[in-house]
């Protein structure tokens, strides 16, 4: 495990302490969880961007054309705006 010094504004540090206490965890655990969540978010966006870059409009159109052209099932209709 690595130790890391992080400088936080006093107001942020106070709120982190309050939230960690509310969750009955240490400030260290709270920050580690927050960093892990942010990493997961960034990595998910990177993955989705990579997958989107592989997209092909003709493949999408071909796939969508396989869907039957029938009325929506009751409860699945689009709202009228």
PDB file of N, CA and C in Angstrom:
ATOM      1  N   UNK A   1       0.847  -1.166   0.000  1.00  0.00           N
ATOM      2  CA  UNK A   1       0.000   0.000   0.000  1.00  0.00           C
ATOM      3  C   UNK A   1       0.892   1.227   0.000  1.00  0.00           C
ATOM      4  N   UNK A   2       0.447   2.290  -0.653  1.00  0.00           N
ATOM      5  CA  UNK A   2       1.215   3.519  -0.768  1.00  0.00           C
ATOM      6  C   UNK A   2       0.575   4.625   0.048  1.00  0.00           C
ATOM      7  N   UNK A   3       1.421   5.393   0.712  1.00  0.00           N
ATOM      8  CA  UNK A   3       0.936   6.582   1.428  1.00  0.00           C
ATOM      9  C   UNK A   3       0.973   7.757   0.471  1.00  0.00           C
ATOM     10  N   UNK A   4      -0.018   8.631   0.586  1.00  0.00           N
ATOM     11  CA  UNK A   4      -0.130   9.773  -0.309  1.00  0.00           C
ATOM     12  C   UNK A   4      -0.570  10.979   0.500  1.00  0.00           C
ATOM     13  N   UNK A   5       0.125  12.087   0.327  1.00  0.00           N
ATOM     14  CA  UNK A   5      -0.268  13.327   0.989  1.00  0.00           C
ATOM     15  C   UNK A   5      -1.122  14.127   0.018  1.00  0.00           C
ATOM     16  N   UNK A   6      -2.303  14.501   0.466  1.00  0.00           N
ATOM     17  CA  UNK A   6      -3.220  15.268  -0.375  1.00  0.00           C
ATOM     18  C   UNK A   6      -3.582  16.546   0.365  1.00  0.00           C
ATOM     19  N   UNK A   7      -3.476  17.665  -0.333  1.00  0.00           N
ATOM     20  CA  UNK A   7      -3.865  18.940   0.259  1.00  0.00           C
ATOM     21  C   UNK A   7      -5.301  19.240  -0.158  1.00  0.00           C
ATOM     22  N   UNK A   8      -6.148  19.446   0.835  1.00  0.00           N
ATOM     23  CA  UNK A   8      -7.556  19.754   0.596  1.00  0.00           C
ATOM     24  C   UNK A   8      -7.900  21.076   1.246  1.00  0.00           C
ATOM     25  N   UNK A   9      -8.790  21.835   0.645  1.00  0.00           N
ATOM     26  CA  UNK A   9      -9.291  23.021   1.355  1.00  0.00           C
ATOM     27  C   UNK A   9      -9.953  22.578   2.663  1.00  0.00           C
ATOM     28  N   UNK A  10      -9.885  23.410   3.656  1.00  0.00           N
ATOM     29  CA  UNK A  10     -10.448  23.057   4.965  1.00  0.00           C
ATOM     30  C   UNK A  10     -11.911  22.657   4.869  1.00  0.00           C
ATOM     31  N   UNK A  11     -12.671  23.366   4.043  1.00  0.00           N
ATOM     32  CA  UNK A  11     -14.100  23.067   3.930  1.00  0.00           C
ATOM     33  C   UNK A  11     -14.326  21.668   3.343  1.00  0.00           C
ATOM     34  N   UNK A  12     -13.509  21.278   2.381  1.00  0.00           N
ATOM     35  CA  UNK A  12     -13.637  19.941   1.777  1.00  0.00           C
ATOM     36  C   UNK A  12     -13.244  18.884   2.798  1.00  0.00           C
ATOM     37  N   UNK A  13     -12.139  19.135   3.516  1.00  0.00           N
ATOM     38  CA  UNK A  13     -11.690  18.179   4.526  1.00  0.00           C
ATOM     39  C   UNK A  13     -12.764  17.980   5.604  1.00  0.00           C
ATOM     40  N   UNK A  14     -13.367  19.070   6.032  1.00  0.00           N
ATOM     41  CA  UNK A  14     -14.419  18.978   7.059  1.00  0.00           C
ATOM     42  C   UNK A  14     -15.594  18.150   6.555  1.00  0.00           C
ATOM     43  N   UNK A  15     -16.014  18.386   5.304  1.00  0.00           N
ATOM     44  CA  UNK A  15     -17.153  17.647   4.750  1.00  0.00           C
ATOM     45  C   UNK A  15     -16.801  16.175   4.590  1.00  0.00           C
ATOM     46  N   UNK A  16     -15.587  15.871   4.171  1.00  0.00           N
ATOM     47  CA  UNK A  16     -15.145  14.476   4.052  1.00  0.00           C
ATOM     48  C   UNK A  16     -15.206  13.796   5.410  1.00  0.00           C
ATOM     49  N   UNK A  17     -14.725  14.497   6.444  1.00  0.00           N
ATOM     50  CA  UNK A  17     -14.791  13.920   7.797  1.00  0.00           C
ATOM     51  C   UNK A  17     -16.227  13.636   8.224  1.00  0.00           C
ATOM     52  N   UNK A  18     -17.112  14.590   7.946  1.00  0.00           N
ATOM     53  CA  UNK A  18     -18.523  14.412   8.311  1.00  0.00           C
ATOM     54  C   UNK A  18     -19.148  13.228   7.568  1.00  0.00           C
ATOM     55  N   UNK A  19     -18.887  13.138   6.283  1.00  0.00           N
ATOM     56  CA  UNK A  19     -19.474  12.047   5.491  1.00  0.00           C
ATOM     57  C   UNK A  19     -18.890  10.694   5.873  1.00  0.00           C
ATOM     58  N   UNK A  20     -17.599  10.660   6.143  1.00  0.00           N
ATOM     59  CA  UNK A  20     -16.972   9.408   6.572  1.00  0.00           C
ATOM     60  C   UNK A  20     -17.551   8.964   7.914  1.00  0.00           C
ATOM     61  N   UNK A  21     -17.729   9.910   8.810  1.00  0.00           N
ATOM     62  CA  UNK A  21     -18.311   9.586  10.116  1.00  0.00           C
ATOM     63  C   UNK A  21     -19.738   9.076   9.955  1.00  0.00           C
ATOM     64  N   UNK A  22     -20.498   9.721   9.078  1.00  0.00           N
ATOM     65  CA  UNK A  22     -21.881   9.289   8.832  1.00  0.00           C
ATOM     66  C   UNK A  22     -21.923   7.850   8.316  1.00  0.00           C
ATOM     67  N   UNK A  23     -20.950   7.496   7.464  1.00  0.00           N
ATOM     68  CA  UNK A  23     -20.887   6.129   6.920  1.00  0.00           C
ATOM     69  C   UNK A  23     -20.146   5.163   7.842  1.00  0.00           C
ATOM     70  N   UNK A  24     -19.689   5.680   8.973  1.00  0.00           N
ATOM     71  CA  UNK A  24     -18.953   4.887   9.960  1.00  0.00           C
ATOM     72  C   UNK A  24     -17.716   4.232   9.349  1.00  0.00           C
ATOM     73  N   UNK A  25     -16.971   5.031   8.589  1.00  0.00           N
ATOM     74  CA  UNK A  25     -15.705   4.586   8.014  1.00  0.00           C
ATOM     75  C   UNK A  25     -14.663   5.666   8.275  1.00  0.00           C
ATOM     76  N   UNK A  26     -13.410   5.323   8.042  1.00  0.00           N
ATOM     77  CA  UNK A  26     -12.344   6.298   8.237  1.00  0.00           C
ATOM     78  C   UNK A  26     -12.287   7.257   7.053  1.00  0.00           C
ATOM     79  N   UNK A  27     -11.655   8.398   7.277  1.00  0.00           N
ATOM     80  CA  UNK A  27     -11.449   9.360   6.199  1.00  0.00           C
ATOM     81  C   UNK A  27     -10.650   8.684   5.085  1.00  0.00           C
ATOM     82  N   UNK A  28      -9.673   7.878   5.456  1.00  0.00           N
ATOM     83  CA  UNK A  28      -8.862   7.168   4.474  1.00  0.00           C
ATOM     84  C   UNK A  28      -9.726   6.248   3.610  1.00  0.00           C
ATOM     85  N   UNK A  29     -10.618   5.494   4.245  1.00  0.00           N
ATOM     86  CA  UNK A  29     -11.509   4.604   3.494  1.00  0.00           C
ATOM     87  C   UNK A  29     -12.431   5.402   2.575  1.00  0.00           C
ATOM     88  N   UNK A  30     -12.931   6.531   3.072  1.00  0.00           N
ATOM     89  CA  UNK A  30     -13.825   7.371   2.277  1.00  0.00           C
ATOM     90  C   UNK A  30     -13.106   7.877   1.030  1.00  0.00           C
ATOM     91  N   UNK A  31     -11.896   8.400   1.217  1.00  0.00           N
ATOM     92  CA  UNK A  31     -11.138   8.936   0.080  1.00  0.00           C
ATOM     93  C   UNK A  31     -10.757   7.820  -0.887  1.00  0.00           C
ATOM     94  N   UNK A  32     -10.352   6.659  -0.376  1.00  0.00           N
ATOM     95  CA  UNK A  32     -10.004   5.538  -1.256  1.00  0.00           C
ATOM     96  C   UNK A  32     -11.218   5.122  -2.085  1.00  0.00           C
ATOM     97  N   UNK A  33     -12.400   5.084  -1.473  1.00  0.00           N
ATOM     98  CA  UNK A  33     -13.619   4.725  -2.199  1.00  0.00           C
ATOM     99  C   UNK A  33     -13.961   5.790  -3.240  1.00  0.00           C
ATOM    100  N   UNK A  34     -13.803   7.055  -2.884  1.00  0.00           N
ATOM    101  CA  UNK A  34     -14.103   8.141  -3.814  1.00  0.00           C
ATOM    102  C   UNK A  34     -13.166   8.090  -5.023  1.00  0.00           C
ATOM    103  N   UNK A  35     -11.891   7.849  -4.786  1.00  0.00           N
ATOM    104  CA  UNK A  35     -10.929   7.744  -5.887  1.00  0.00           C
ATOM    105  C   UNK A  35     -11.261   6.539  -6.753  1.00  0.00           C
ATOM    106  N   UNK A  36     -11.612   5.426  -6.141  1.00  0.00           N
ATOM    107  CA  UNK A  36     -11.977   4.224  -6.905  1.00  0.00           C
ATOM    108  C   UNK A  36     -13.199   4.472  -7.776  1.00  0.00           C
ATOM    109  N   UNK A  37     -14.200   5.159  -7.236  1.00  0.00           N
ATOM    110  CA  UNK A  37     -15.408   5.486  -8.010  1.00  0.00           C
ATOM    111  C   UNK A  37     -15.068   6.388  -9.188  1.00  0.00           C
ATOM    112  N   UNK A  38     -14.225   7.383  -8.977  1.00  0.00           N
ATOM    113  CA  UNK A  38     -13.830   8.288 -10.056  1.00  0.00           C
ATOM    114  C   UNK A  38     -13.055   7.524 -11.133  1.00  0.00           C
ATOM    115  N   UNK A  39     -12.150   6.649 -10.707  1.00  0.00           N
ATOM    116  CA  UNK A  39     -11.394   5.838 -11.671  1.00  0.00           C
ATOM    117  C   UNK A  39     -12.336   4.986 -12.507  1.00  0.00           C
ATOM    118  N   UNK A  40     -13.297   4.352 -11.880  1.00  0.00           N
ATOM    119  CA  UNK A  40     -14.254   3.516 -12.597  1.00  0.00           C
ATOM    120  C   UNK A  40     -15.038   4.347 -13.607  1.00  0.00           C
ATOM    121  N   UNK A  41     -15.415   5.557 -13.223  1.00  0.00           N
ATOM    122  CA  UNK A  41     -16.161   6.441 -14.116  1.00  0.00           C
ATOM    123  C   UNK A  41     -15.322   6.816 -15.334  1.00  0.00           C
ATOM    124  N   UNK A  42     -14.092   7.226 -15.113  1.00  0.00           N
ATOM    125  CA  UNK A  42     -13.210   7.622 -16.218  1.00  0.00           C
ATOM    126  C   UNK A  42     -12.915   6.436 -17.118  1.00  0.00           C
ATOM    127  N   UNK A  43     -12.649   5.282 -16.518  1.00  0.00           N
ATOM    128  CA  UNK A  43     -12.343   4.090 -17.314  1.00  0.00           C
ATOM    129  C   UNK A  43     -13.558   3.644 -18.126  1.00  0.00           C
ATOM    130  N   UNK A  44     -14.756   3.790 -17.564  1.00  0.00           N
ATOM    131  CA  UNK A  44     -15.973   3.454 -18.298  1.00  0.00           C
ATOM    132  C   UNK A  44     -16.150   4.372 -19.489  1.00  0.00           C
ATOM    133  N   UNK A  45     -15.936   5.669 -19.292  1.00  0.00           N
ATOM    134  CA  UNK A  45     -16.033   6.610 -20.413  1.00  0.00           C
ATOM    135  C   UNK A  45     -14.999   6.296 -21.491  1.00  0.00           C
ATOM    136  N   UNK A  46     -13.781   5.963 -21.080  1.00  0.00           N
ATOM    137  CA  UNK A  46     -12.746   5.596 -22.051  1.00  0.00           C
ATOM    138  C   UNK A  46     -13.181   4.374 -22.853  1.00  0.00           C
ATOM    139  N   UNK A  47     -13.730   3.375 -22.160  1.00  0.00           N
ATOM    140  CA  UNK A  47     -14.184   2.155 -22.831  1.00  0.00           C
ATOM    141  C   UNK A  47     -15.312   2.465 -23.818  1.00  0.00           C
ATOM    142  N   UNK A  48     -16.282   3.268 -23.378  1.00  0.00           N
ATOM    143  CA  UNK A  48     -17.411   3.595 -24.257  1.00  0.00           C
ATOM    144  C   UNK A  48     -16.960   4.403 -25.471  1.00  0.00           C
ATOM    145  N   UNK A  49     -16.022   5.322 -25.279  1.00  0.00           N
ATOM    146  CA  UNK A  49     -15.495   6.083 -26.411  1.00  0.00           C
ATOM    147  C   UNK A  49     -14.782   5.160 -27.395  1.00  0.00           C
ATOM    148  N   UNK A  50     -14.009   4.218 -26.879  1.00  0.00           N
ATOM    149  CA  UNK A  50     -13.305   3.266 -27.745  1.00  0.00           C
ATOM    150  C   UNK A  50     -14.306   2.428 -28.530  1.00  0.00           C
ATOM    151  N   UNK A  51     -15.317   1.923 -27.852  1.00  0.00           N
ATOM    152  CA  UNK A  51     -16.332   1.110 -28.528  1.00  0.00           C
ATOM    153  C   UNK A  51     -17.094   1.944 -29.560  1.00  0.00           C
ATOM    154  N   UNK A  52     -17.411   3.188 -29.213  1.00  0.00           N
ATOM    155  CA  UNK A  52     -18.133   4.057 -30.144  1.00  0.00           C
ATOM    156  C   UNK A  52     -17.286   4.344 -31.385  1.00  0.00           C
ATOM    157  N   UNK A  53     -15.976   4.416 -31.207  1.00  0.00           N
ATOM    158  CA  UNK A  53     -15.112   4.699 -32.357  1.00  0.00           C
ATOM    159  C   UNK A  53     -15.097   3.544 -33.352  1.00  0.00           C
ATOM    160  N   UNK A  54     -15.505   2.375 -32.905  1.00  0.00           N
ATOM    161  CA  UNK A  54     -15.567   1.191 -33.776  1.00  0.00           C
ATOM    162  C   UNK A  54     -16.918   1.077 -34.488  1.00  0.00           C
ATOM    163  N   UNK A  55     -17.837   1.987 -34.154  1.00  0.00           N
ATOM    164  CA  UNK A  55     -19.199   1.906 -34.678  1.00  0.00           C
ATOM    165  C   UNK A  55     -19.223   2.092 -36.191  1.00  0.00           C
ATOM    166  N   UNK A  56     -20.228   1.477 -36.782  1.00  0.00           N
ATOM    167  CA  UNK A  56     -20.415   1.555 -38.229  1.00  0.00           C
ATOM    168  C   UNK A  56     -21.894   1.803 -38.483  1.00  0.00           C
ATOM    169  N   UNK A  57     -22.213   2.908 -39.130  1.00  0.00           N
ATOM    170  CA  UNK A  57     -23.614   3.281 -39.323  1.00  0.00           C
ATOM    171  C   UNK A  57     -24.374   2.226 -40.115  1.00  0.00           C
ATOM    172  N   UNK A  58     -23.751   1.646 -41.130  1.00  0.00           N
ATOM    173  CA  UNK A  58     -24.467   0.654 -41.941  1.00  0.00           C
ATOM    174  C   UNK A  58     -24.788  -0.596 -41.119  1.00  0.00           C
ATOM    175  N   UNK A  59     -23.886  -0.990 -40.220  1.00  0.00           N
ATOM    176  CA  UNK A  59     -24.183  -2.125 -39.335  1.00  0.00           C
ATOM    177  C   UNK A  59     -25.354  -1.794 -38.422  1.00  0.00           C
ATOM    178  N   UNK A  60     -25.365  -0.576 -37.892  1.00  0.00           N
ATOM    179  CA  UNK A  60     -26.461  -0.148 -37.029  1.00  0.00           C
ATOM    180  C   UNK A  60     -27.789  -0.172 -37.788  1.00  0.00           C
ATOM    181  N   UNK A  61     -27.791   0.403 -38.991  1.00  0.00           N
ATOM    182  CA  UNK A  61     -29.018   0.432 -39.796  1.00  0.00           C
ATOM    183  C   UNK A  61     -29.488  -0.985 -40.120  1.00  0.00           C
ATOM    184  N   UNK A  62     -28.559  -1.858 -40.444  1.00  0.00           N
ATOM    185  CA  UNK A  62     -28.920  -3.246 -40.759  1.00  0.00           C
ATOM    186  C   UNK A  62     -29.557  -3.914 -39.532  1.00  0.00           C
ATOM    187  N   UNK A  63     -28.979  -3.684 -38.372  1.00  0.00           N
ATOM    188  CA  UNK A  63     -29.518  -4.244 -37.141  1.00  0.00           C
ATOM    189  C   UNK A  63     -30.904  -3.690 -36.837  1.00  0.00           C
ATOM    190  N   UNK A  64     -31.067  -2.371 -36.970  1.00  0.00           N
ATOM    191  CA  UNK A  64     -32.354  -1.752 -36.672  1.00  0.00           C
ATOM    192  C   UNK A  64     -33.438  -2.210 -37.645  1.00  0.00           C
ATOM    193  N   UNK A  65     -33.047  -2.493 -38.863  1.00  0.00           N
ATOM    194  CA  UNK A  65     -34.024  -2.967 -39.843  1.00  0.00           C
ATOM    195  C   UNK A  65     -34.537  -4.377 -39.529  1.00  0.00           C
ATOM    196  N   UNK A  66     -33.870  -5.089 -38.643  1.00  0.00           N
ATOM    197  CA  UNK A  66     -34.329  -6.415 -38.224  1.00  0.00           C
ATOM    198  C   UNK A  66     -35.493  -6.326 -37.237  1.00  0.00           C
ATOM    199  N   UNK A  67     -35.652  -5.167 -36.601  1.00  0.00           N
ATOM    200  CA  UNK A  67     -36.735  -4.998 -35.626  1.00  0.00           C
ATOM    201  C   UNK A  67     -38.052  -4.871 -36.376  1.00  0.00           C
ATOM    202  N   UNK A  68     -39.063  -5.590 -35.924  1.00  0.00           N
ATOM    203  CA  UNK A  68     -40.354  -5.516 -36.608  1.00  0.00           C
ATOM    204  C   UNK A  68     -40.996  -4.143 -36.434  1.00  0.00           C
ATOM    205  N   UNK A  69     -41.707  -3.696 -37.446  1.00  0.00           N
ATOM    206  CA  UNK A  69     -42.392  -2.409 -37.405  1.00  0.00           C
ATOM    207  C   UNK A  69     -43.823  -2.647 -36.919  1.00  0.00           C
ATOM    208  N   UNK A  70     -43.964  -2.748 -35.599  1.00  0.00           N
ATOM    209  CA  UNK A  70     -45.268  -3.011 -34.985  1.00  0.00           C
ATOM    210  C   UNK A  70     -45.532  -1.960 -33.904  1.00  0.00           C
ATOM    211  N   UNK A  71     -46.781  -1.773 -33.535  1.00  0.00           N
ATOM    212  CA  UNK A  71     -47.080  -0.811 -32.468  1.00  0.00           C
ATOM    213  C   UNK A  71     -46.413  -1.223 -31.152  1.00  0.00           C
ATOM    214  N   UNK A  72     -46.121  -0.237 -30.330  1.00  0.00           N
ATOM    215  CA  UNK A  72     -45.512  -0.502 -29.028  1.00  0.00           C
ATOM    216  C   UNK A  72     -46.464  -1.297 -28.148  1.00  0.00           C
ATOM    217  N   UNK A  73     -45.885  -2.112 -27.292  1.00  0.00           N
ATOM    218  CA  UNK A  73     -46.659  -2.855 -26.301  1.00  0.00           C
ATOM    219  C   UNK A  73     -47.237  -1.841 -25.319  1.00  0.00           C
ATOM    220  N   UNK A  74     -48.424  -2.076 -24.824  1.00  0.00           N
ATOM    221  CA  UNK A  74     -49.066  -1.158 -23.882  1.00  0.00           C
ATOM    222  C   UNK A  74     -48.119  -0.834 -22.732  1.00  0.00           C
ATOM    223  N   UNK A  75     -47.936   0.453 -22.486  1.00  0.00           N
ATOM    224  CA  UNK A  75     -47.044   0.908 -21.424  1.00  0.00           C
ATOM    225  C   UNK A  75     -45.661   1.291 -21.928  1.00  0.00           C
ATOM    226  N   UNK A  76     -45.321   0.890 -23.177  1.00  0.00           N
ATOM    227  CA  UNK A  76     -44.013   1.221 -23.747  1.00  0.00           C
ATOM    228  C   UNK A  76     -44.093   2.343 -24.787  1.00  0.00           C
ATOM    229  N   UNK A  77     -45.250   2.982 -24.905  1.00  0.00           N
ATOM    230  CA  UNK A  77     -45.404   4.038 -25.909  1.00  0.00           C
ATOM    231  C   UNK A  77     -44.516   5.226 -25.563  1.00  0.00           C
ATOM    232  N   UNK A  78     -44.124   5.977 -26.603  1.00  0.00           N
ATOM    233  CA  UNK A  78     -43.393   7.211 -26.386  1.00  0.00           C
ATOM    234  C   UNK A  78     -44.347   8.273 -25.877  1.00  0.00           C
ATOM    235  N   UNK A  79     -43.882   9.119 -24.963  1.00  0.00           N
ATOM    236  CA  UNK A  79     -44.761  10.171 -24.458  1.00  0.00           C
ATOM    237  C   UNK A  79     -45.014  11.216 -25.548  1.00  0.00           C
ATOM    238  N   UNK A  80     -46.160  11.856 -25.480  1.00  0.00           N
ATOM    239  CA  UNK A  80     -46.494  12.949 -26.392  1.00  0.00           C
ATOM    240  C   UNK A  80     -46.077  14.251 -25.751  1.00  0.00           C
ATOM    241  N   UNK A  81     -45.053  14.883 -26.271  1.00  0.00           N
ATOM    242  CA  UNK A  81     -44.576  16.151 -25.704  1.00  0.00           C
ATOM    243  C   UNK A  81     -45.152  17.300 -26.469  1.00  0.00           C
TER     244      UNK A  81
END
